[in-house]
Amino acid sequence: MTEQLKSRRPRGFAAMDPDKQKALASAGGRAAHRHGRAHQFTEDEARLAGAKGRAARQAKRIAAMNTASEDTRSVQDEETSMEESELQI
């Protein structure tokens, strides 16, 4: 049975060509709006979503800066310890 799962081909939406997927999804979105079932963001919801995105982007940038500064510190520590060992000789 595991061999059967490994050799499975995509089915349904995944098996469609990308243009057909886009057309079908677009039609579904229009139908949802037409029937009043689609979500409409309020100004407050949009503002919160934007703030969440900004916070995520800022956190990612800070994490990258911290990683870069840690890498720099480790190189500086290696250089310092090499200089100290040369002085002791």
C-alpha atoms as a PDB file:
ATOM      1  CA  MET A   1       0.000   0.000   0.000  1.00  0.00           C
ATOM      2  CA  THR A   2       2.857   2.436   0.692  1.00  0.00           C
ATOM      3  CA  GLU A   3       4.124   1.922  -2.868  1.00  0.00           C
ATOM      4  CA  GLN A   4       0.687   2.872  -4.112  1.00  0.00           C
ATOM      5  CA  LEU A   5       0.796   6.116  -2.092  1.00  0.00           C
ATOM      6  CA  LYS A   6       4.244   7.020  -3.416  1.00  0.00           C
ATOM      7  CA  SER A   7       3.237   6.627  -7.056  1.00  0.00           C
ATOM      8  CA  ARG A   8       0.004   8.617  -6.788  1.00  0.00           C
ATOM      9  CA  ARG A   9      -0.615  11.274  -9.368  1.00  0.00           C
ATOM     10  CA  PRO A  10      -2.090  14.644  -8.394  1.00  0.00           C
ATOM     11  CA  ARG A  11      -5.859  14.713  -8.357  1.00  0.00           C
ATOM     12  CA  GLY A  12      -8.493  17.404  -8.486  1.00  0.00           C
ATOM     13  CA  PHE A  13      -7.303  21.001  -8.261  1.00  0.00           C
ATOM     14  CA  ALA A  14      -3.626  19.960  -8.074  1.00  0.00           C
ATOM     15  CA  ALA A  15      -3.861  18.089 -11.381  1.00  0.00           C
ATOM     16  CA  MET A  16      -5.247  21.088 -13.289  1.00  0.00           C
ATOM     17  CA  ASP A  17      -3.069  23.335 -15.361  1.00  0.00           C
ATOM     18  CA  PRO A  18      -2.335  26.670 -13.567  1.00  0.00           C
ATOM     19  CA  ASP A  19      -4.457  28.768 -15.945  1.00  0.00           C
ATOM     20  CA  LYS A  20      -7.483  26.548 -15.370  1.00  0.00           C
ATOM     21  CA  GLN A  21      -6.938  26.705 -11.591  1.00  0.00           C
ATOM     22  CA  LYS A  22      -6.800  30.500 -11.746  1.00  0.00           C
ATOM     23  CA  ALA A  23      -9.978  30.726 -13.810  1.00  0.00           C
ATOM     24  CA  LEU A  24     -11.883  28.371 -11.516  1.00  0.00           C
ATOM     25  CA  ALA A  25     -10.720  30.147  -8.346  1.00  0.00           C
ATOM     26  CA  SER A  26     -11.618  33.512  -9.849  1.00  0.00           C
ATOM     27  CA  ALA A  27     -15.099  32.315 -10.737  1.00  0.00           C
ATOM     28  CA  GLY A  28     -15.559  30.978  -7.208  1.00  0.00           C
ATOM     29  CA  GLY A  29     -14.521  34.310  -5.722  1.00  0.00           C
ATOM     30  CA  ARG A  30     -16.945  36.237  -7.909  1.00  0.00           C
ATOM     31  CA  ALA A  31     -19.763  33.844  -6.996  1.00  0.00           C
ATOM     32  CA  ALA A  32     -19.048  34.238  -3.294  1.00  0.00           C
ATOM     33  CA  HIS A  33     -19.224  38.023  -3.567  1.00  0.00           C
ATOM     34  CA  ARG A  34     -22.382  37.819  -5.644  1.00  0.00           C
ATOM     35  CA  HIS A  35     -24.080  35.662  -2.997  1.00  0.00           C
ATOM     36  CA  GLY A  36     -22.809  37.773  -0.092  1.00  0.00           C
ATOM     37  CA  ARG A  37     -20.670  34.999   1.378  1.00  0.00           C
ATOM     38  CA  ALA A  38     -17.255  36.574   0.768  1.00  0.00           C
ATOM     39  CA  HIS A  39     -15.432  38.276   3.613  1.00  0.00           C
ATOM     40  CA  GLN A  40     -15.213  42.063   3.344  1.00  0.00           C
ATOM     41  CA  PHE A  41     -12.440  43.619   5.413  1.00  0.00           C
ATOM     42  CA  THR A  42     -13.405  46.608   7.517  1.00  0.00           C
ATOM     43  CA  GLU A  43     -10.958  49.489   7.950  1.00  0.00           C
ATOM     44  CA  ASP A  44     -10.077  48.214  11.424  1.00  0.00           C
ATOM     45  CA  GLU A  45      -9.422  44.660  10.199  1.00  0.00           C
ATOM     46  CA  ALA A  46      -7.246  45.969   7.374  1.00  0.00           C
ATOM     47  CA  ARG A  47      -5.323  48.191   9.804  1.00  0.00           C
ATOM     48  CA  LEU A  48      -4.709  45.239  12.149  1.00  0.00           C
ATOM     49  CA  ALA A  49      -3.596  43.043   9.260  1.00  0.00           C
ATOM     50  CA  GLY A  50      -1.149  45.720   8.117  1.00  0.00           C
ATOM     51  CA  ALA A  51       0.241  46.119  11.624  1.00  0.00           C
ATOM     52  CA  LYS A  52       0.689  42.370  11.918  1.00  0.00           C
ATOM     53  CA  GLY A  53       2.576  42.279   8.617  1.00  0.00           C
ATOM     54  CA  ARG A  54       4.806  45.182   9.627  1.00  0.00           C
ATOM     55  CA  ALA A  55       5.565  43.530  12.975  1.00  0.00           C
ATOM     56  CA  ALA A  56       6.474  40.239  11.271  1.00  0.00           C
ATOM     57  CA  ARG A  57       8.714  42.016   8.754  1.00  0.00           C
ATOM     58  CA  GLN A  58      10.428  43.994  11.532  1.00  0.00           C
ATOM     59  CA  ALA A  59      10.963  40.872  13.659  1.00  0.00           C
ATOM     60  CA  LYS A  60      12.523  39.098  10.693  1.00  0.00           C
ATOM     61  CA  ARG A  61      14.825  42.069  10.013  1.00  0.00           C
ATOM     62  CA  ILE A  62      15.892  42.242  13.685  1.00  0.00           C
ATOM     63  CA  ALA A  63      16.582  38.503  13.763  1.00  0.00           C
ATOM     64  CA  ALA A  64      18.741  38.820  10.645  1.00  0.00           C
ATOM     65  CA  MET A  65      20.683  41.716  12.174  1.00  0.00           C
ATOM     66  CA  ASN A  66      21.214  39.767  15.409  1.00  0.00           C
ATOM     67  CA  THR A  67      22.481  36.753  13.478  1.00  0.00           C
ATOM     68  CA  ALA A  68      24.844  38.942  11.473  1.00  0.00           C
ATOM     69  CA  SER A  69      26.179  40.658  14.600  1.00  0.00           C
ATOM     70  CA  GLU A  70      26.683  37.286  16.334  1.00  0.00           C
ATOM     71  CA  ASP A  71      28.677  36.077  13.326  1.00  0.00           C
ATOM     72  CA  THR A  72      30.769  39.246  13.442  1.00  0.00           C
ATOM     73  CA  ARG A  73      31.340  38.854  17.179  1.00  0.00           C
ATOM     74  CA  SER A  74      32.497  35.249  16.805  1.00  0.00           C
ATOM     75  CA  VAL A  75      35.013  36.279  14.127  1.00  0.00           C
ATOM     76  CA  GLN A  76      36.229  39.146  16.320  1.00  0.00           C
ATOM     77  CA  ASP A  77      36.531  36.794  19.314  1.00  0.00           C
ATOM     78  CA  GLU A  78      38.627  34.380  17.231  1.00  0.00           C
ATOM     79  CA  GLU A  79      40.907  37.196  16.073  1.00  0.00           C
ATOM     80  CA  THR A  80      41.273  38.508  19.635  1.00  0.00           C
ATOM     81  CA  SER A  81      42.123  35.102  21.041  1.00  0.00           C
ATOM     82  CA  MET A  82      44.680  34.582  18.228  1.00  0.00           C
ATOM     83  CA  GLU A  83      46.299  37.934  19.015  1.00  0.00           C
ATOM     84  CA  GLU A  84      46.380  37.127  22.729  1.00  0.00           C
ATOM     85  CA  SER A  85      47.993  33.761  22.089  1.00  0.00           C
ATOM     86  CA  GLU A  86      50.628  35.412  19.881  1.00  0.00           C
ATOM     87  CA  LEU A  87      51.413  37.876  22.682  1.00  0.00           C
ATOM     88  CA  GLN A  88      51.885  35.063  25.197  1.00  0.00           C
ATOM     89  CA  ILE A  89      54.484  33.301  23.076  1.00  0.00           C
END
